[in-house]
């Protein structure tokens, strides 16, 4: 176990680069988490990877995952998309890992959350978010940290930002419910900017009851008694 018990969030690129012995080392070192999107990617590769080695490693990771004790997290907090090719498979996975890591950092503000990835753009992106208890390192840096107690520079900088005493990461139950979206922009130091995430619906019915009346009466929800217009004599509030 690491002296600071970090919460380690693994990208698929890190999992696919190693085998069981290293996975076991990581599980002893800290609290290990796979974002749900990473698990889905490993399942896809176990079925249809182009490279045989990648397919066999993905299958092995899925086979040993229950005994390793890696948590599967569905936590998501919206962060700004910066990848111009955001519709590619890799870009979507990178976005999902970033959102999961940021959500976990919010849930455990006194602990250190570390994304482990061999994808340099993802590592850089996590660093640019500027969240005090969140950082990212490469797989090689993690292995030196585990085996030689050599802290990566990104970890040292994050520890310098955190209040003392540092809290150990709390083990997670697999697939916790995701928090409601709380937008954060690059370089915002983790503070919401008041932006409205895509798909978030404003409570327009209560803000503008008269202006929304026509649309409201066309919706099935208008037939729910306790959501009727306040002017209705049969309203139930």
C-alpha atoms as a PDB file:
ATOM      1  CA  UNK A   1       0.000   0.000   0.000  1.00  0.00           C
ATOM      2  CA  UNK A   2       1.279   3.458  -0.868  1.00  0.00           C
ATOM      3  CA  UNK A   3       1.988   5.746   2.085  1.00  0.00           C
ATOM      4  CA  UNK A   4      -0.654   8.144   0.791  1.00  0.00           C
ATOM      5  CA  UNK A   5      -3.144   5.541  -0.538  1.00  0.00           C
ATOM      6  CA  UNK A   6      -4.040   7.231  -3.845  1.00  0.00           C
ATOM      7  CA  UNK A   7      -7.112   6.557  -5.907  1.00  0.00           C
ATOM      8  CA  UNK A   8      -5.790   5.281  -9.244  1.00  0.00           C
ATOM      9  CA  UNK A   9      -8.023   5.711 -12.314  1.00  0.00           C
ATOM     10  CA  UNK A  10      -6.839   3.534 -15.194  1.00  0.00           C
ATOM     11  CA  UNK A  11      -7.152   4.234 -18.887  1.00  0.00           C
ATOM     12  CA  UNK A  12      -7.341   1.198 -21.191  1.00  0.00           C
ATOM     13  CA  UNK A  13      -3.872   2.006 -22.564  1.00  0.00           C
ATOM     14  CA  UNK A  14      -2.364   1.301 -19.129  1.00  0.00           C
ATOM     15  CA  UNK A  15      -4.278  -1.938 -18.574  1.00  0.00           C
ATOM     16  CA  UNK A  16      -3.366  -3.320 -21.997  1.00  0.00           C
ATOM     17  CA  UNK A  17       0.336  -2.662 -21.484  1.00  0.00           C
ATOM     18  CA  UNK A  18       0.735  -5.043 -18.537  1.00  0.00           C
ATOM     19  CA  UNK A  19      -0.269  -8.412 -17.181  1.00  0.00           C
ATOM     20  CA  UNK A  20      -1.569  -9.991 -13.964  1.00  0.00           C
ATOM     21  CA  UNK A  21       1.529  -9.505 -11.770  1.00  0.00           C
ATOM     22  CA  UNK A  22       1.528  -5.752 -12.305  1.00  0.00           C
ATOM     23  CA  UNK A  23      -2.238  -5.473 -11.924  1.00  0.00           C
ATOM     24  CA  UNK A  24      -1.863  -7.174  -8.543  1.00  0.00           C
ATOM     25  CA  UNK A  25       0.889  -4.734  -7.531  1.00  0.00           C
ATOM     26  CA  UNK A  26      -1.327  -1.783  -8.384  1.00  0.00           C
ATOM     27  CA  UNK A  27      -4.220  -3.238  -6.374  1.00  0.00           C
ATOM     28  CA  UNK A  28      -1.985  -3.459  -3.299  1.00  0.00           C
ATOM     29  CA  UNK A  29      -0.591   0.039  -3.832  1.00  0.00           C
ATOM     30  CA  UNK A  30      -3.821   2.053  -3.882  1.00  0.00           C
ATOM     31  CA  UNK A  31      -7.537   2.061  -4.572  1.00  0.00           C
ATOM     32  CA  UNK A  32      -7.863   1.053  -8.240  1.00  0.00           C
ATOM     33  CA  UNK A  33     -10.737   2.159 -10.461  1.00  0.00           C
ATOM     34  CA  UNK A  34     -11.790   1.437 -14.026  1.00  0.00           C
ATOM     35  CA  UNK A  35     -14.210   3.973 -15.520  1.00  0.00           C
ATOM     36  CA  UNK A  36     -17.216   2.162 -16.935  1.00  0.00           C
ATOM     37  CA  UNK A  37     -16.209   3.331 -20.422  1.00  0.00           C
ATOM     38  CA  UNK A  38     -12.803   1.673 -20.009  1.00  0.00           C
ATOM     39  CA  UNK A  39     -14.460  -1.592 -18.998  1.00  0.00           C
ATOM     40  CA  UNK A  40     -16.648  -1.367 -22.107  1.00  0.00           C
ATOM     41  CA  UNK A  41     -13.566  -0.778 -24.258  1.00  0.00           C
ATOM     42  CA  UNK A  42     -11.829  -3.829 -22.788  1.00  0.00           C
ATOM     43  CA  UNK A  43     -14.934  -5.904 -23.473  1.00  0.00           C
ATOM     44  CA  UNK A  44     -14.969  -4.680 -27.070  1.00  0.00           C
ATOM     45  CA  UNK A  45     -11.292  -5.506 -27.565  1.00  0.00           C
ATOM     46  CA  UNK A  46     -11.796  -8.957 -26.041  1.00  0.00           C
ATOM     47  CA  UNK A  47     -14.258  -9.625 -28.877  1.00  0.00           C
ATOM     48  CA  UNK A  48     -12.822  -7.787 -31.870  1.00  0.00           C
ATOM     49  CA  UNK A  49      -9.294  -6.501 -31.317  1.00  0.00           C
ATOM     50  CA  UNK A  50      -7.161  -6.434 -34.459  1.00  0.00           C
ATOM     51  CA  UNK A  51      -3.987  -7.443 -32.602  1.00  0.00           C
ATOM     52  CA  UNK A  52      -4.060 -10.944 -31.023  1.00  0.00           C
ATOM     53  CA  UNK A  53      -1.904  -9.754 -28.095  1.00  0.00           C
ATOM     54  CA  UNK A  54      -4.311  -6.926 -27.340  1.00  0.00           C
ATOM     55  CA  UNK A  55      -7.251  -9.302 -27.475  1.00  0.00           C
ATOM     56  CA  UNK A  56      -5.668 -11.813 -25.103  1.00  0.00           C
ATOM     57  CA  UNK A  57      -4.640  -9.080 -22.629  1.00  0.00           C
ATOM     58  CA  UNK A  58      -8.142  -7.601 -22.648  1.00  0.00           C
ATOM     59  CA  UNK A  59      -9.620 -11.042 -22.006  1.00  0.00           C
ATOM     60  CA  UNK A  60      -7.175 -11.681 -19.160  1.00  0.00           C
ATOM     61  CA  UNK A  61      -7.985  -8.344 -17.535  1.00  0.00           C
ATOM     62  CA  UNK A  62     -11.695  -9.131 -17.611  1.00  0.00           C
ATOM     63  CA  UNK A  63     -11.128 -12.640 -16.260  1.00  0.00           C
ATOM     64  CA  UNK A  64      -9.023 -11.446 -13.304  1.00  0.00           C
ATOM     65  CA  UNK A  65     -10.863  -8.222 -12.587  1.00  0.00           C
ATOM     66  CA  UNK A  66     -13.147  -9.662  -9.839  1.00  0.00           C
ATOM     67  CA  UNK A  67     -10.219 -11.115  -7.875  1.00  0.00           C
ATOM     68  CA  UNK A  68      -8.137  -7.948  -8.279  1.00  0.00           C
ATOM     69  CA  UNK A  69     -10.776  -5.818  -6.617  1.00  0.00           C
ATOM     70  CA  UNK A  70     -10.733  -2.990  -9.137  1.00  0.00           C
ATOM     71  CA  UNK A  71     -13.893  -0.915  -8.745  1.00  0.00           C
ATOM     72  CA  UNK A  72     -15.937  -0.083 -11.843  1.00  0.00           C
ATOM     73  CA  UNK A  73     -17.102   3.517 -11.657  1.00  0.00           C
ATOM     74  CA  UNK A  74     -19.975   5.101 -13.565  1.00  0.00           C
ATOM     75  CA  UNK A  75     -19.295   8.499 -11.979  1.00  0.00           C
ATOM     76  CA  UNK A  76     -19.381  11.330 -14.534  1.00  0.00           C
ATOM     77  CA  UNK A  77     -19.052  15.104 -14.212  1.00  0.00           C
ATOM     78  CA  UNK A  78     -19.153  17.116 -17.402  1.00  0.00           C
ATOM     79  CA  UNK A  79     -15.909  18.747 -18.559  1.00  0.00           C
ATOM     80  CA  UNK A  80     -15.394  20.821 -21.660  1.00  0.00           C
ATOM     81  CA  UNK A  81     -14.581  18.841 -24.799  1.00  0.00           C
ATOM     82  CA  UNK A  82     -11.376  20.016 -26.461  1.00  0.00           C
ATOM     83  CA  UNK A  83     -10.644  17.272 -28.984  1.00  0.00           C
ATOM     84  CA  UNK A  84     -11.490  18.374 -32.515  1.00  0.00           C
ATOM     85  CA  UNK A  85     -12.024  14.733 -33.509  1.00  0.00           C
ATOM     86  CA  UNK A  86     -14.438  14.255 -30.639  1.00  0.00           C
ATOM     87  CA  UNK A  87     -16.525  11.675 -32.470  1.00  0.00           C
ATOM     88  CA  UNK A  88     -13.719   9.124 -32.774  1.00  0.00           C
ATOM     89  CA  UNK A  89     -13.714   6.097 -30.492  1.00  0.00           C
ATOM     90  CA  UNK A  90     -10.498   7.182 -28.764  1.00  0.00           C
ATOM     91  CA  UNK A  91     -11.729  10.745 -28.279  1.00  0.00           C
ATOM     92  CA  UNK A  92     -14.953   9.527 -26.668  1.00  0.00           C
ATOM     93  CA  UNK A  93     -13.012   7.246 -24.343  1.00  0.00           C
ATOM     94  CA  UNK A  94     -10.635  10.071 -23.389  1.00  0.00           C
ATOM     95  CA  UNK A  95     -13.630  12.291 -22.600  1.00  0.00           C
ATOM     96  CA  UNK A  96     -15.216   9.587 -20.453  1.00  0.00           C
ATOM     97  CA  UNK A  97     -12.003   9.005 -18.462  1.00  0.00           C
ATOM     98  CA  UNK A  98     -11.599  12.737 -17.845  1.00  0.00           C
ATOM     99  CA  UNK A  99     -15.200  13.076 -16.685  1.00  0.00           C
ATOM    100  CA  UNK A 100     -14.943  10.056 -14.390  1.00  0.00           C
ATOM    101  CA  UNK A 101     -11.662  11.227 -12.841  1.00  0.00           C
ATOM    102  CA  UNK A 102     -12.998  14.715 -12.227  1.00  0.00           C
ATOM    103  CA  UNK A 103     -16.156  13.320 -10.588  1.00  0.00           C
ATOM    104  CA  UNK A 104     -14.109  11.090  -8.285  1.00  0.00           C
ATOM    105  CA  UNK A 105     -11.865  14.030  -7.338  1.00  0.00           C
ATOM    106  CA  UNK A 106     -15.006  15.934  -6.340  1.00  0.00           C
ATOM    107  CA  UNK A 107     -16.298  12.997  -4.308  1.00  0.00           C
ATOM    108  CA  UNK A 108     -13.012  12.603  -2.400  1.00  0.00           C
ATOM    109  CA  UNK A 109     -11.653  16.173  -2.099  1.00  0.00           C
ATOM    110  CA  UNK A 110      -9.126  15.353   0.616  1.00  0.00           C
ATOM    111  CA  UNK A 111      -7.592  12.414  -1.259  1.00  0.00           C
ATOM    112  CA  UNK A 112      -5.288  12.223  -4.260  1.00  0.00           C
ATOM    113  CA  UNK A 113      -6.854  11.004  -7.521  1.00  0.00           C
ATOM    114  CA  UNK A 114      -4.334   9.899 -10.154  1.00  0.00           C
ATOM    115  CA  UNK A 115      -5.172   9.037 -13.764  1.00  0.00           C
ATOM    116  CA  UNK A 116      -2.777   6.442 -15.208  1.00  0.00           C
ATOM    117  CA  UNK A 117      -2.491   6.452 -18.996  1.00  0.00           C
ATOM    118  CA  UNK A 118       0.006   5.955 -21.786  1.00  0.00           C
ATOM    119  CA  UNK A 119      -1.975   8.458 -23.859  1.00  0.00           C
ATOM    120  CA  UNK A 120       0.034  11.687 -23.573  1.00  0.00           C
ATOM    121  CA  UNK A 121      -2.827  13.948 -24.735  1.00  0.00           C
ATOM    122  CA  UNK A 122      -5.051  12.542 -21.974  1.00  0.00           C
ATOM    123  CA  UNK A 123      -2.315  13.016 -19.349  1.00  0.00           C
ATOM    124  CA  UNK A 124      -1.826  16.606 -20.481  1.00  0.00           C
ATOM    125  CA  UNK A 125      -5.528  17.287 -20.503  1.00  0.00           C
ATOM    126  CA  UNK A 126      -5.989  16.096 -16.923  1.00  0.00           C
ATOM    127  CA  UNK A 127      -3.132  18.335 -15.804  1.00  0.00           C
ATOM    128  CA  UNK A 128      -4.647  21.334 -17.599  1.00  0.00           C
ATOM    129  CA  UNK A 129      -7.911  20.960 -15.695  1.00  0.00           C
ATOM    130  CA  UNK A 130      -6.054  22.404 -12.715  1.00  0.00           C
ATOM    131  CA  UNK A 131      -7.985  20.460 -10.071  1.00  0.00           C
ATOM    132  CA  UNK A 132      -5.993  20.529  -6.832  1.00  0.00           C
ATOM    133  CA  UNK A 133      -6.361  16.842  -5.916  1.00  0.00           C
ATOM    134  CA  UNK A 134      -6.287  15.432  -9.452  1.00  0.00           C
ATOM    135  CA  UNK A 135      -3.236  14.648 -11.589  1.00  0.00           C
ATOM    136  CA  UNK A 136      -2.162  12.217 -14.318  1.00  0.00           C
ATOM    137  CA  UNK A 137       0.944  10.111 -14.867  1.00  0.00           C
ATOM    138  CA  UNK A 138       2.260   7.590 -17.362  1.00  0.00           C
ATOM    139  CA  UNK A 139       2.405   3.865 -16.733  1.00  0.00           C
ATOM    140  CA  UNK A 140       6.205   3.990 -16.415  1.00  0.00           C
ATOM    141  CA  UNK A 141       5.902   6.668 -13.725  1.00  0.00           C
ATOM    142  CA  UNK A 142       3.377   4.554 -11.816  1.00  0.00           C
ATOM    143  CA  UNK A 143       5.648   1.511 -11.891  1.00  0.00           C
ATOM    144  CA  UNK A 144       8.624   3.528 -10.567  1.00  0.00           C
ATOM    145  CA  UNK A 145       6.382   4.905  -7.852  1.00  0.00           C
ATOM    146  CA  UNK A 146       5.190   1.426  -6.879  1.00  0.00           C
ATOM    147  CA  UNK A 147       8.533  -0.375  -7.026  1.00  0.00           C
ATOM    148  CA  UNK A 148      11.051   2.334  -6.147  1.00  0.00           C
ATOM    149  CA  UNK A 149       8.916   4.751  -4.109  1.00  0.00           C
ATOM    150  CA  UNK A 150       9.879   7.432  -6.638  1.00  0.00           C
ATOM    151  CA  UNK A 151       7.037   9.914  -6.724  1.00  0.00           C
ATOM    152  CA  UNK A 152       6.221  11.343 -10.148  1.00  0.00           C
ATOM    153  CA  UNK A 153       6.575  15.109 -10.426  1.00  0.00           C
ATOM    154  CA  UNK A 154       2.862  15.503 -11.111  1.00  0.00           C
ATOM    155  CA  UNK A 155       2.081  13.662  -7.877  1.00  0.00           C
ATOM    156  CA  UNK A 156       4.548  15.776  -5.888  1.00  0.00           C
ATOM    157  CA  UNK A 157       2.978  18.967  -7.249  1.00  0.00           C
ATOM    158  CA  UNK A 158      -0.530  17.763  -6.401  1.00  0.00           C
ATOM    159  CA  UNK A 159       0.531  16.833  -2.869  1.00  0.00           C
ATOM    160  CA  UNK A 160       1.928  20.314  -2.444  1.00  0.00           C
ATOM    161  CA  UNK A 161      -1.490  21.764  -3.272  1.00  0.00           C
ATOM    162  CA  UNK A 162      -3.447  19.549  -0.901  1.00  0.00           C
ATOM    163  CA  UNK A 163      -4.229  20.434   2.713  1.00  0.00           C
ATOM    164  CA  UNK A 164      -2.751  18.359   5.477  1.00  0.00           C
ATOM    165  CA  UNK A 165      -3.353  15.767   6.704  1.00  0.00           C
ATOM    166  CA  UNK A 166      -4.007  13.933   3.446  1.00  0.00           C
ATOM    167  CA  UNK A 167      -6.938  11.551   3.618  1.00  0.00           C
ATOM    168  CA  UNK A 168      -6.551   8.008   2.291  1.00  0.00           C
ATOM    169  CA  UNK A 169      -8.723   7.221  -0.717  1.00  0.00           C
ATOM    170  CA  UNK A 170     -11.952   5.492   0.213  1.00  0.00           C
ATOM    171  CA  UNK A 171     -12.643   2.175  -1.538  1.00  0.00           C
ATOM    172  CA  UNK A 172     -15.516   2.416  -4.012  1.00  0.00           C
ATOM    173  CA  UNK A 173     -18.470   0.198  -4.681  1.00  0.00           C
ATOM    174  CA  UNK A 174     -18.663  -0.747  -8.328  1.00  0.00           C
ATOM    175  CA  UNK A 175     -20.799   1.489 -10.542  1.00  0.00           C
ATOM    176  CA  UNK A 176     -21.925   4.176  -8.076  1.00  0.00           C
ATOM    177  CA  UNK A 177     -24.600   6.528  -9.295  1.00  0.00           C
ATOM    178  CA  UNK A 178     -23.184   9.422 -11.256  1.00  0.00           C
ATOM    179  CA  UNK A 179     -23.558  12.886  -9.798  1.00  0.00           C
ATOM    180  CA  UNK A 180     -25.570  15.517 -11.671  1.00  0.00           C
ATOM    181  CA  UNK A 181     -23.475  17.400 -14.226  1.00  0.00           C
ATOM    182  CA  UNK A 182     -21.300  20.155 -12.732  1.00  0.00           C
ATOM    183  CA  UNK A 183     -19.478  21.828 -15.615  1.00  0.00           C
ATOM    184  CA  UNK A 184     -15.803  22.727 -15.456  1.00  0.00           C
ATOM    185  CA  UNK A 185     -13.701  24.353 -18.143  1.00  0.00           C
ATOM    186  CA  UNK A 186     -10.015  23.868 -18.911  1.00  0.00           C
ATOM    187  CA  UNK A 187      -7.850  25.847 -16.521  1.00  0.00           C
ATOM    188  CA  UNK A 188     -10.751  26.674 -14.205  1.00  0.00           C
ATOM    189  CA  UNK A 189      -9.065  25.132 -11.138  1.00  0.00           C
ATOM    190  CA  UNK A 190     -12.115  22.944 -10.720  1.00  0.00           C
ATOM    191  CA  UNK A 191     -14.629  25.790 -10.243  1.00  0.00           C
ATOM    192  CA  UNK A 192     -17.925  25.615 -12.182  1.00  0.00           C
ATOM    193  CA  UNK A 193     -18.357  28.450 -14.658  1.00  0.00           C
ATOM    194  CA  UNK A 194     -22.134  28.441 -14.657  1.00  0.00           C
ATOM    195  CA  UNK A 195     -22.258  26.895 -18.129  1.00  0.00           C
ATOM    196  CA  UNK A 196     -25.186  24.693 -19.023  1.00  0.00           C
ATOM    197  CA  UNK A 197     -24.107  21.198 -20.123  1.00  0.00           C
ATOM    198  CA  UNK A 198     -25.645  19.840 -23.307  1.00  0.00           C
ATOM    199  CA  UNK A 199     -28.937  18.109 -22.673  1.00  0.00           C
ATOM    200  CA  UNK A 200     -29.617  19.869 -19.348  1.00  0.00           C
ATOM    201  CA  UNK A 201     -33.212  21.136 -19.238  1.00  0.00           C
ATOM    202  CA  UNK A 202     -34.117  24.428 -17.577  1.00  0.00           C
ATOM    203  CA  UNK A 203     -37.155  24.362 -15.238  1.00  0.00           C
ATOM    204  CA  UNK A 204     -39.041  26.562 -17.722  1.00  0.00           C
ATOM    205  CA  UNK A 205     -42.477  25.473 -16.546  1.00  0.00           C
ATOM    206  CA  UNK A 206     -42.033  27.274 -13.226  1.00  0.00           C
ATOM    207  CA  UNK A 207     -39.949  30.177 -14.567  1.00  0.00           C
ATOM    208  CA  UNK A 208     -42.390  31.081 -17.352  1.00  0.00           C
ATOM    209  CA  UNK A 209     -45.763  29.402 -16.744  1.00  0.00           C
ATOM    210  CA  UNK A 210     -47.747  31.625 -19.126  1.00  0.00           C
ATOM    211  CA  UNK A 211     -45.236  31.635 -21.988  1.00  0.00           C
ATOM    212  CA  UNK A 212     -44.888  27.858 -21.863  1.00  0.00           C
ATOM    213  CA  UNK A 213     -48.600  27.126 -21.538  1.00  0.00           C
ATOM    214  CA  UNK A 214     -49.135  26.039 -25.146  1.00  0.00           C
ATOM    215  CA  UNK A 215     -46.259  23.593 -25.176  1.00  0.00           C
ATOM    216  CA  UNK A 216     -47.050  22.374 -21.692  1.00  0.00           C
ATOM    217  CA  UNK A 217     -50.569  21.330 -22.614  1.00  0.00           C
ATOM    218  CA  UNK A 218     -49.202  19.218 -25.498  1.00  0.00           C
ATOM    219  CA  UNK A 219     -46.942  17.216 -23.207  1.00  0.00           C
ATOM    220  CA  UNK A 220     -48.051  14.025 -21.472  1.00  0.00           C
ATOM    221  CA  UNK A 221     -46.724  15.487 -18.191  1.00  0.00           C
ATOM    222  CA  UNK A 222     -49.515  18.073 -18.239  1.00  0.00           C
ATOM    223  CA  UNK A 223     -51.905  15.300 -17.254  1.00  0.00           C
ATOM    224  CA  UNK A 224     -50.080  14.654 -13.973  1.00  0.00           C
ATOM    225  CA  UNK A 225     -52.258  16.308 -11.284  1.00  0.00           C
ATOM    226  CA  UNK A 226     -49.516  17.781  -9.117  1.00  0.00           C
ATOM    227  CA  UNK A 227     -47.838  19.353 -12.162  1.00  0.00           C
ATOM    228  CA  UNK A 228     -50.912  21.241 -13.349  1.00  0.00           C
ATOM    229  CA  UNK A 229     -50.860  24.977 -13.861  1.00  0.00           C
ATOM    230  CA  UNK A 230     -51.140  27.036 -10.713  1.00  0.00           C
ATOM    231  CA  UNK A 231     -54.178  28.775 -12.179  1.00  0.00           C
ATOM    232  CA  UNK A 232     -56.091  25.512 -12.422  1.00  0.00           C
ATOM    233  CA  UNK A 233     -58.894  25.196  -9.862  1.00  0.00           C
ATOM    234  CA  UNK A 234     -58.028  21.515  -9.540  1.00  0.00           C
ATOM    235  CA  UNK A 235     -54.350  22.025  -8.887  1.00  0.00           C
ATOM    236  CA  UNK A 236     -52.786  19.839  -6.187  1.00  0.00           C
ATOM    237  CA  UNK A 237     -49.768  21.480  -4.484  1.00  0.00           C
END
